[in-house]
Protein backbone atom coordinates (compact mmCIF):
# COMPACT_ATOMS: atom_id res chain seq x y z
CA UNK A 1 16.64 -26.44 17.95
CA UNK A 2 19.60 -28.35 19.33
CA UNK A 3 22.47 -26.31 20.85
CA UNK A 4 25.13 -25.47 18.29
CA UNK A 5 22.90 -26.26 15.34
CA UNK A 6 22.64 -23.40 12.87
CA UNK A 7 19.26 -22.33 11.55
CA UNK A 8 18.88 -22.55 7.77
CA UNK A 9 18.05 -18.91 6.83
CA UNK A 10 16.26 -19.95 3.65
CA UNK A 11 14.08 -22.46 5.48
CA UNK A 12 13.48 -19.88 8.22
CA UNK A 13 12.27 -17.32 5.68
CA UNK A 14 10.21 -19.88 3.75
CA UNK A 15 8.29 -20.88 6.89
CA UNK A 16 7.68 -17.25 7.77
CA UNK A 17 6.40 -16.51 4.26
CA UNK A 18 4.16 -19.57 4.39
CA UNK A 19 2.51 -18.23 7.53
CA UNK A 20 2.20 -14.72 6.08
CA UNK A 21 0.60 -16.05 2.90
CA UNK A 22 -1.91 -18.11 4.88
CA UNK A 23 -2.76 -15.11 7.05
CA UNK A 24 -3.14 -12.83 4.05
CA UNK A 25 -5.55 -15.21 2.33
CA UNK A 26 -7.64 -15.71 5.47
CA UNK A 27 -7.68 -12.04 6.48
CA UNK A 28 -8.92 -11.25 2.97
CA UNK A 29 -11.51 -14.03 2.81
CA UNK A 30 -12.82 -13.99 6.39
CA UNK A 31 -11.66 -10.69 7.83
CA UNK A 32 -9.07 -10.08 10.52
CA UNK A 33 -11.43 -10.33 13.49
CA UNK A 34 -13.02 -13.55 12.22
CA UNK A 35 -9.69 -15.28 11.63
CA UNK A 36 -8.09 -17.10 14.55
CA UNK A 37 -4.46 -18.04 15.04
CA UNK A 38 -5.53 -21.67 14.71
CA UNK A 39 -7.10 -20.90 11.31
CA UNK A 40 -3.77 -19.48 10.12
CA UNK A 41 -1.81 -22.42 11.52
CA UNK A 42 -4.04 -24.95 9.77
CA UNK A 43 -3.94 -23.06 6.48
CA UNK A 44 -0.15 -22.77 6.63
CA UNK A 45 0.35 -26.42 7.65
CA UNK A 46 2.37 -25.19 10.60
CA UNK A 47 2.06 -25.14 14.38
CA UNK A 48 1.03 -22.56 16.96
CA UNK A 49 4.51 -22.56 18.46
CA UNK A 50 6.06 -21.97 15.05
CA UNK A 51 3.72 -19.05 14.35
CA UNK A 52 4.49 -17.40 17.69
CA UNK A 53 8.20 -17.85 17.02
CA UNK A 54 7.86 -15.43 14.09
CA UNK A 55 4.93 -13.30 15.30
CA UNK A 56 4.24 -12.61 18.99
CA UNK A 57 0.51 -12.05 18.40
CA UNK A 58 -2.14 -11.74 15.70
CA UNK A 59 -1.65 -7.97 15.47
CA UNK A 60 2.02 -8.52 14.59
CA UNK A 61 0.90 -10.95 11.90
CA UNK A 62 -1.39 -8.29 10.46
CA UNK A 63 1.52 -5.86 10.53
CA UNK A 64 3.65 -8.34 8.60
CA UNK A 65 0.98 -8.78 5.92
CA UNK A 66 0.52 -5.01 5.71
CA UNK A 67 4.23 -4.44 5.15
CA UNK A 68 4.26 -7.03 2.38
CA UNK A 69 1.43 -5.23 0.59
CA UNK A 70 3.16 -1.85 0.99
CA UNK A 71 6.37 -3.17 -0.50
CA UNK A 72 4.50 -4.82 -3.39
CA UNK A 73 2.91 -1.46 -4.23
CA UNK A 74 6.29 0.26 -3.98
CA UNK A 75 7.92 -2.34 -6.25
CA UNK A 76 5.12 -1.90 -8.78
CA UNK A 77 5.62 1.87 -8.71
CA UNK A 78 9.38 1.47 -9.19
CA UNK A 79 8.70 -0.82 -12.16
CA UNK A 80 6.58 1.90 -13.78
CA UNK A 81 8.86 4.88 -13.11
CA UNK A 82 11.26 4.21 -16.02
CA UNK A 83 8.26 4.63 -18.36
CA UNK A 84 7.71 8.20 -17.12
CA UNK A 85 8.92 11.19 -19.13
CA UNK A 86 9.14 13.68 -16.26
CA UNK A 87 8.47 14.19 -12.56
CA UNK A 88 4.75 14.79 -12.99
CA UNK A 89 4.38 11.53 -14.84
CA UNK A 90 6.39 9.74 -12.14
CA UNK A 91 3.89 10.96 -9.57
CA UNK A 92 0.94 9.97 -11.78
CA UNK A 93 2.35 6.47 -12.26
CA UNK A 94 3.10 6.11 -8.56
CA UNK A 95 -0.51 7.03 -7.80
CA UNK A 96 -1.67 4.44 -10.33
CA UNK A 97 0.37 1.77 -8.52
CA UNK A 98 -1.27 2.87 -5.25
CA UNK A 99 -4.81 2.76 -6.66
CA UNK A 100 -4.14 -0.63 -8.26
CA UNK A 101 -2.82 -1.96 -4.98
CA UNK A 102 -5.87 -0.63 -3.17
CA UNK A 103 -8.28 -2.45 -5.47
CA UNK A 104 -6.25 -5.65 -5.60
CA UNK A 105 -6.12 -5.79 -1.80
CA UNK A 106 -9.48 -4.19 -1.00
CA UNK A 107 -10.30 -6.60 1.82
CA UNK A 108 -6.99 -6.01 3.56
CA UNK A 109 -7.11 -2.27 2.86
CA UNK A 110 -10.43 -2.00 4.73
CA UNK A 111 -8.79 -3.52 7.77
CA UNK A 112 -5.61 -1.44 7.54
CA UNK A 113 -7.31 1.91 6.89
CA UNK A 114 -10.19 1.46 9.32
CA UNK A 115 -9.89 4.57 11.54
CA UNK A 116 -11.45 2.78 14.50
CA UNK A 117 -9.01 -0.12 14.82
CA UNK A 118 -5.33 -1.03 14.40
CA UNK A 119 -4.24 2.59 14.86
CA UNK A 120 -0.53 1.74 14.99
CA UNK A 121 -0.61 -0.20 11.72
CA UNK A 122 -2.73 2.47 10.04
CA UNK A 123 -0.29 5.20 11.09
CA UNK A 124 2.74 3.17 9.96
CA UNK A 125 1.11 2.73 6.55
CA UNK A 126 0.25 6.40 6.21
CA UNK A 127 3.74 7.43 7.37
CA UNK A 128 5.31 5.16 4.72
CA UNK A 129 3.51 6.97 1.90
CA UNK A 130 3.82 10.38 3.56
CA UNK A 131 7.59 10.01 3.50
CA UNK A 132 7.57 8.97 -0.16
CA UNK A 133 5.44 11.98 -1.10
CA UNK A 134 7.60 14.35 0.93
CA UNK A 135 10.72 13.06 -0.83
CA UNK A 136 9.11 13.63 -4.21
CA UNK A 137 8.06 17.18 -3.31
CA UNK A 138 11.52 18.04 -2.04
CA UNK A 139 12.96 16.72 -5.32
CA UNK A 140 10.67 19.09 -7.26
CA UNK A 141 10.71 22.52 -5.58
CA UNK A 142 8.78 23.98 -8.53
CA UNK A 143 5.70 22.07 -7.36
CA UNK A 144 3.60 24.19 -5.01
CA UNK A 145 6.38 26.79 -4.64
CA UNK A 146 6.51 28.91 -1.47
CA UNK A 147 4.50 26.29 0.41
CA UNK A 148 5.94 24.09 3.14
CA UNK A 149 6.39 20.56 1.63
CA UNK A 150 5.37 18.94 4.90
CA UNK A 151 2.04 20.76 4.96
CA UNK A 152 1.47 20.02 1.28
CA UNK A 153 2.18 16.35 1.98
CA UNK A 154 -0.37 16.26 4.79
CA UNK A 155 -3.01 17.95 2.64
CA UNK A 156 -2.27 15.59 -0.26
CA UNK A 157 -2.47 12.50 1.93
CA UNK A 158 -5.57 13.67 3.77
CA UNK A 159 -7.46 13.98 0.50
CA UNK A 160 -6.28 10.57 -0.68
CA UNK A 161 -7.29 8.94 2.61
CA UNK A 162 -10.83 10.36 2.38
CA UNK A 163 -11.21 9.19 -1.22
CA UNK A 164 -9.89 5.72 -0.45
CA UNK A 165 -12.14 5.35 2.59
CA UNK A 166 -15.13 6.39 0.47
CA UNK A 167 -14.24 3.83 -2.20
CA UNK A 168 -13.46 1.01 0.24
CA UNK A 169 -16.28 1.39 2.73
CA UNK A 170 -19.08 2.76 0.58
CA UNK A 171 -18.66 2.25 -3.15
CA UNK A 172 -16.13 -0.08 -4.72
CA UNK A 173 -18.04 0.03 -8.03
CA UNK A 174 -15.96 2.97 -9.29
CA UNK A 175 -13.37 1.72 -11.74
CA UNK A 176 -9.72 2.09 -10.67
CA UNK A 177 -8.95 4.16 -13.75
CA UNK A 178 -11.71 6.67 -12.91
CA UNK A 179 -10.53 7.03 -9.31
CA UNK A 180 -6.92 7.46 -10.46
CA UNK A 181 -7.89 10.06 -13.04
CA UNK A 182 -9.77 12.14 -10.49
CA UNK A 183 -6.88 11.97 -7.99
CA UNK A 184 -4.38 13.09 -10.63
CA UNK A 185 -6.52 15.94 -11.95
CA UNK A 186 -7.47 17.30 -8.53
CA UNK A 187 -4.05 17.09 -6.92
CA UNK A 188 -1.99 18.15 -9.92
CA UNK A 189 -4.04 21.32 -10.22
CA UNK A 190 -3.45 22.01 -6.53
CA UNK A 191 0.28 21.44 -7.01
CA UNK A 192 0.44 23.92 -9.89
CA UNK A 193 0.69 21.57 -12.89
CA UNK A 194 -0.15 23.54 -16.04
CA UNK A 195 -1.59 20.57 -17.94
CA UNK A 196 -2.85 17.85 -15.57
CA UNK A 197 -4.97 16.24 -18.32
CA UNK A 198 -1.76 15.23 -20.06
CA UNK A 199 -0.79 12.95 -17.20
CA UNK A 200 -3.99 10.94 -16.83
CA UNK A 201 -4.94 10.14 -20.40
CA UNK A 202 -4.30 6.44 -19.73
CA UNK A 203 -2.68 4.25 -17.06
CA UNK A 204 0.97 3.42 -17.81
CA UNK A 205 0.28 -0.07 -19.13
CA UNK A 206 -2.20 1.27 -21.69
CA UNK A 207 -0.01 4.23 -22.55
CA UNK A 208 2.94 1.92 -23.23
CA UNK A 209 0.89 -0.11 -25.71
CA UNK A 210 -0.18 2.89 -27.78
């Protein structure tokens, strides 16, 4: 860029998004390890120098894709929350958004949640959802009363992580709705919900059409 020339922020963001989209497609189709920086550059119609301007290495590119997926899941959850009648239903719908996101991004989720690689990105992802769950628990002190919300959050997330790893790495044939239903029933009982069945009769989209 010439001295004194201002960068167009919209063009700057568009180029970055173009690279992220290319990386996301390739990481999903080929896997992170099998995708080279040159593959991403060719797919994005960009240059190596341009890619490294936005992302210092391939790991940072993976981190960028991961954050996009996390925010998409969060936005989907926020879209569903107005349909909820109470706090329990808000949690159920948030879990549905998470399960949906897992299935829609299964290839990327395997990379992100792999316990033997990308530890920093895995921990950032888990911390993101741990904070959201902790906030929800603190907003509803009647859930799991007399128990430390931080410990409840860790137990809740630990169970989810094991289920998701089972689904992703061993058996993706389970339908999203079945996985979601089990997660709601199991965890709502643990949290003290008197009628967990009520909150997993149908995913929000189906419930809204009834």
